N, C-alpha and C. Protein backbone atom coordinates (compact mmCIF):
# COMPACT_ATOMS: atom_id res chain seq x y z
N UNK A 1 19.40 -9.06 15.42
CA UNK A 1 18.11 -8.84 16.05
C UNK A 1 17.26 -10.10 15.85
N UNK A 2 16.62 -10.51 16.94
CA UNK A 2 15.78 -11.70 16.81
C UNK A 2 14.39 -11.32 16.30
N UNK A 3 13.61 -12.33 15.98
CA UNK A 3 12.30 -12.12 15.38
C UNK A 3 11.34 -11.36 16.31
N UNK A 4 11.40 -11.64 17.61
CA UNK A 4 10.51 -10.96 18.56
C UNK A 4 10.82 -9.46 18.61
N UNK A 5 12.10 -9.12 18.64
CA UNK A 5 12.47 -7.70 18.66
C UNK A 5 12.03 -7.03 17.36
N UNK A 6 12.24 -7.70 16.25
CA UNK A 6 11.83 -7.16 14.95
C UNK A 6 10.33 -6.87 14.94
N UNK A 7 9.52 -7.85 15.38
CA UNK A 7 8.07 -7.66 15.41
C UNK A 7 7.68 -6.53 16.36
N UNK A 8 8.34 -6.45 17.51
CA UNK A 8 8.05 -5.38 18.46
C UNK A 8 8.31 -4.02 17.83
N UNK A 9 9.47 -3.86 17.21
CA UNK A 9 9.82 -2.58 16.58
C UNK A 9 8.81 -2.20 15.50
N UNK A 10 8.49 -3.15 14.63
CA UNK A 10 7.56 -2.86 13.53
C UNK A 10 6.17 -2.52 14.06
N UNK A 11 5.72 -3.26 15.06
CA UNK A 11 4.41 -3.02 15.64
C UNK A 11 4.34 -1.66 16.34
N UNK A 12 5.36 -1.36 17.13
CA UNK A 12 5.41 -0.07 17.81
C UNK A 12 5.38 1.06 16.80
N UNK A 13 6.20 0.97 15.78
CA UNK A 13 6.26 2.01 14.76
C UNK A 13 4.94 2.17 14.04
N UNK A 14 4.32 1.05 13.69
CA UNK A 14 3.02 1.10 13.02
C UNK A 14 1.99 1.79 13.90
N UNK A 15 1.95 1.43 15.17
CA UNK A 15 0.95 2.02 16.08
C UNK A 15 1.20 3.51 16.30
N UNK A 16 2.45 3.91 16.42
CA UNK A 16 2.76 5.34 16.58
C UNK A 16 2.31 6.09 15.34
N UNK A 17 2.66 5.58 14.18
CA UNK A 17 2.29 6.22 12.92
C UNK A 17 0.77 6.31 12.77
N UNK A 18 0.08 5.23 13.09
CA UNK A 18 -1.39 5.21 12.99
C UNK A 18 -2.02 6.26 13.89
N UNK A 19 -1.58 6.30 15.15
CA UNK A 19 -2.15 7.28 16.09
C UNK A 19 -1.77 8.71 15.71
N UNK A 20 -0.56 8.90 15.24
CA UNK A 20 -0.13 10.24 14.81
C UNK A 20 -1.01 10.74 13.68
N UNK A 21 -1.28 9.87 12.73
CA UNK A 21 -2.14 10.26 11.61
C UNK A 21 -3.58 10.51 12.05
N UNK A 22 -4.06 9.70 12.99
CA UNK A 22 -5.42 9.92 13.53
C UNK A 22 -5.54 11.29 14.19
N UNK A 23 -4.45 11.72 14.78
CA UNK A 23 -4.45 13.03 15.45
C UNK A 23 -4.10 14.15 14.47
N UNK A 24 -3.90 13.79 13.21
CA UNK A 24 -3.56 14.74 12.16
C UNK A 24 -2.29 15.53 12.49
N UNK A 25 -1.29 14.79 12.99
CA UNK A 25 0.01 15.41 13.30
C UNK A 25 1.04 14.96 12.27
N UNK A 26 1.93 15.86 11.92
CA UNK A 26 3.06 15.49 11.08
C UNK A 26 4.15 14.88 11.95
N UNK A 27 5.08 14.19 11.31
CA UNK A 27 6.22 13.67 12.05
C UNK A 27 7.00 14.82 12.69
N UNK A 28 7.11 15.91 11.97
CA UNK A 28 7.85 17.06 12.49
C UNK A 28 7.21 17.59 13.77
N UNK A 29 5.89 17.70 13.77
CA UNK A 29 5.18 18.22 14.94
C UNK A 29 5.32 17.28 16.13
N UNK A 30 5.10 15.99 15.92
CA UNK A 30 5.23 15.04 17.03
C UNK A 30 6.66 15.01 17.55
N UNK A 31 7.62 15.02 16.65
CA UNK A 31 9.03 15.01 17.06
C UNK A 31 9.34 16.22 17.94
N UNK A 32 8.82 17.37 17.56
CA UNK A 32 9.04 18.58 18.35
C UNK A 32 8.40 18.45 19.73
N UNK A 33 7.20 17.92 19.79
CA UNK A 33 6.49 17.77 21.06
C UNK A 33 7.26 16.87 22.02
N UNK A 34 7.81 15.77 21.50
CA UNK A 34 8.49 14.81 22.37
C UNK A 34 10.00 15.04 22.43
N UNK A 35 10.47 16.10 21.77
CA UNK A 35 11.86 16.54 21.85
C UNK A 35 12.85 15.51 21.29
N UNK A 36 12.57 15.04 20.08
CA UNK A 36 13.51 14.21 19.34
C UNK A 36 13.58 14.76 17.92
N UNK A 37 14.57 14.33 17.18
CA UNK A 37 14.67 14.77 15.79
C UNK A 37 13.61 14.05 14.95
N UNK A 38 13.23 14.69 13.88
CA UNK A 38 12.29 14.06 12.95
C UNK A 38 12.90 12.79 12.39
N UNK A 39 14.19 12.81 12.13
CA UNK A 39 14.88 11.63 11.60
C UNK A 39 14.76 10.45 12.58
N UNK A 40 14.93 10.72 13.87
CA UNK A 40 14.82 9.64 14.87
C UNK A 40 13.39 9.10 14.93
N UNK A 41 12.41 10.00 14.93
CA UNK A 41 11.01 9.56 14.96
C UNK A 41 10.69 8.73 13.72
N UNK A 42 11.18 9.13 12.58
CA UNK A 42 10.98 8.37 11.35
C UNK A 42 11.54 6.95 11.49
N UNK A 43 12.72 6.85 12.07
CA UNK A 43 13.33 5.53 12.27
C UNK A 43 12.51 4.68 13.23
N UNK A 44 11.95 5.30 14.27
CA UNK A 44 11.08 4.57 15.20
C UNK A 44 9.85 4.06 14.46
N UNK A 45 9.20 4.94 13.70
CA UNK A 45 7.99 4.56 12.98
C UNK A 45 8.27 3.47 11.94
N UNK A 46 9.46 3.46 11.39
CA UNK A 46 9.82 2.44 10.39
C UNK A 46 10.38 1.17 11.00
N UNK A 47 10.47 1.13 12.33
CA UNK A 47 10.97 -0.05 13.01
C UNK A 47 12.47 -0.26 12.87
N UNK A 48 13.19 0.80 12.58
CA UNK A 48 14.63 0.70 12.37
C UNK A 48 15.44 0.82 13.65
N UNK A 49 14.85 1.38 14.69
CA UNK A 49 15.55 1.54 15.96
C UNK A 49 14.65 1.14 17.12
N UNK A 50 15.26 0.72 18.18
CA UNK A 50 14.55 0.45 19.42
C UNK A 50 14.66 1.70 20.27
N UNK A 51 13.62 2.03 20.99
CA UNK A 51 13.66 3.20 21.85
C UNK A 51 13.38 2.79 23.29
N UNK A 52 13.58 3.71 24.20
CA UNK A 52 13.39 3.39 25.62
C UNK A 52 11.97 3.70 26.07
N UNK A 53 11.63 3.17 27.22
CA UNK A 53 10.27 3.32 27.74
C UNK A 53 9.93 4.77 28.05
N UNK A 54 10.92 5.56 28.41
CA UNK A 54 10.68 6.98 28.68
C UNK A 54 10.16 7.68 27.42
N UNK A 55 10.81 7.45 26.30
CA UNK A 55 10.37 8.09 25.06
C UNK A 55 9.03 7.52 24.60
N UNK A 56 8.83 6.23 24.74
CA UNK A 56 7.53 5.64 24.39
C UNK A 56 6.43 6.29 25.23
N UNK A 57 6.72 6.52 26.49
CA UNK A 57 5.75 7.16 27.38
C UNK A 57 5.45 8.60 26.94
N UNK A 58 6.48 9.33 26.55
CA UNK A 58 6.28 10.71 26.07
C UNK A 58 5.45 10.72 24.79
N UNK A 59 5.72 9.79 23.90
CA UNK A 59 4.96 9.71 22.65
C UNK A 59 3.50 9.35 22.96
N UNK A 60 3.28 8.40 23.84
CA UNK A 60 1.91 8.02 24.22
C UNK A 60 1.16 9.21 24.78
N UNK A 61 1.80 9.95 25.66
CA UNK A 61 1.15 11.12 26.26
C UNK A 61 0.81 12.16 25.18
N UNK A 62 1.73 12.40 24.27
CA UNK A 62 1.50 13.37 23.21
C UNK A 62 0.36 12.95 22.29
N UNK A 63 0.19 11.65 22.12
CA UNK A 63 -0.87 11.13 21.25
C UNK A 63 -2.15 10.82 22.02
N UNK A 64 -2.14 11.05 23.32
CA UNK A 64 -3.30 10.81 24.18
C UNK A 64 -3.76 9.35 24.13
N UNK A 65 -2.77 8.44 24.21
CA UNK A 65 -3.04 7.01 24.29
C UNK A 65 -2.16 6.44 25.40
N UNK A 66 -2.39 5.19 25.75
CA UNK A 66 -1.55 4.56 26.76
C UNK A 66 -0.33 3.90 26.10
N UNK A 67 0.68 3.66 26.91
CA UNK A 67 1.84 2.92 26.42
C UNK A 67 1.39 1.56 25.91
N UNK A 68 0.50 0.94 26.64
CA UNK A 68 -0.01 -0.38 26.25
C UNK A 68 -0.62 -0.33 24.85
N UNK A 69 -1.35 0.73 24.53
CA UNK A 69 -1.95 0.85 23.20
C UNK A 69 -0.88 0.93 22.11
N UNK A 70 0.25 1.52 22.43
CA UNK A 70 1.32 1.63 21.44
C UNK A 70 2.08 0.33 21.25
N UNK A 71 2.19 -0.46 22.32
CA UNK A 71 2.99 -1.68 22.20
C UNK A 71 2.18 -2.93 21.95
N UNK A 72 0.85 -2.82 22.02
CA UNK A 72 0.00 -3.97 21.77
C UNK A 72 -0.01 -4.32 20.29
N UNK A 73 0.14 -5.59 20.01
CA UNK A 73 0.19 -6.05 18.63
C UNK A 73 -1.16 -5.96 17.94
N UNK A 74 -1.13 -5.66 16.66
CA UNK A 74 -2.30 -5.61 15.80
C UNK A 74 -3.35 -4.60 16.24
N UNK A 75 -2.89 -3.40 16.54
CA UNK A 75 -3.81 -2.33 16.89
C UNK A 75 -4.63 -1.93 15.66
N UNK A 76 -5.91 -1.61 15.88
CA UNK A 76 -6.77 -1.20 14.76
C UNK A 76 -7.18 0.23 14.93
């Protein structure tokens, strides 16, 4: 994996985790909403796996944010 992919994965995972916590959702609840296993969602949040745009879109919708907000670097 190159450095850009690594940064993308870590940033995406950080933003998903941040928004999930802001919405006071557990990983289990979000995973159920977007129809993935908790283990898979955990790996996404930890930057261990790359996911497809369809799942990123489902996660964004569940968190009431845009895809851009999830993939933008250094979200606050």
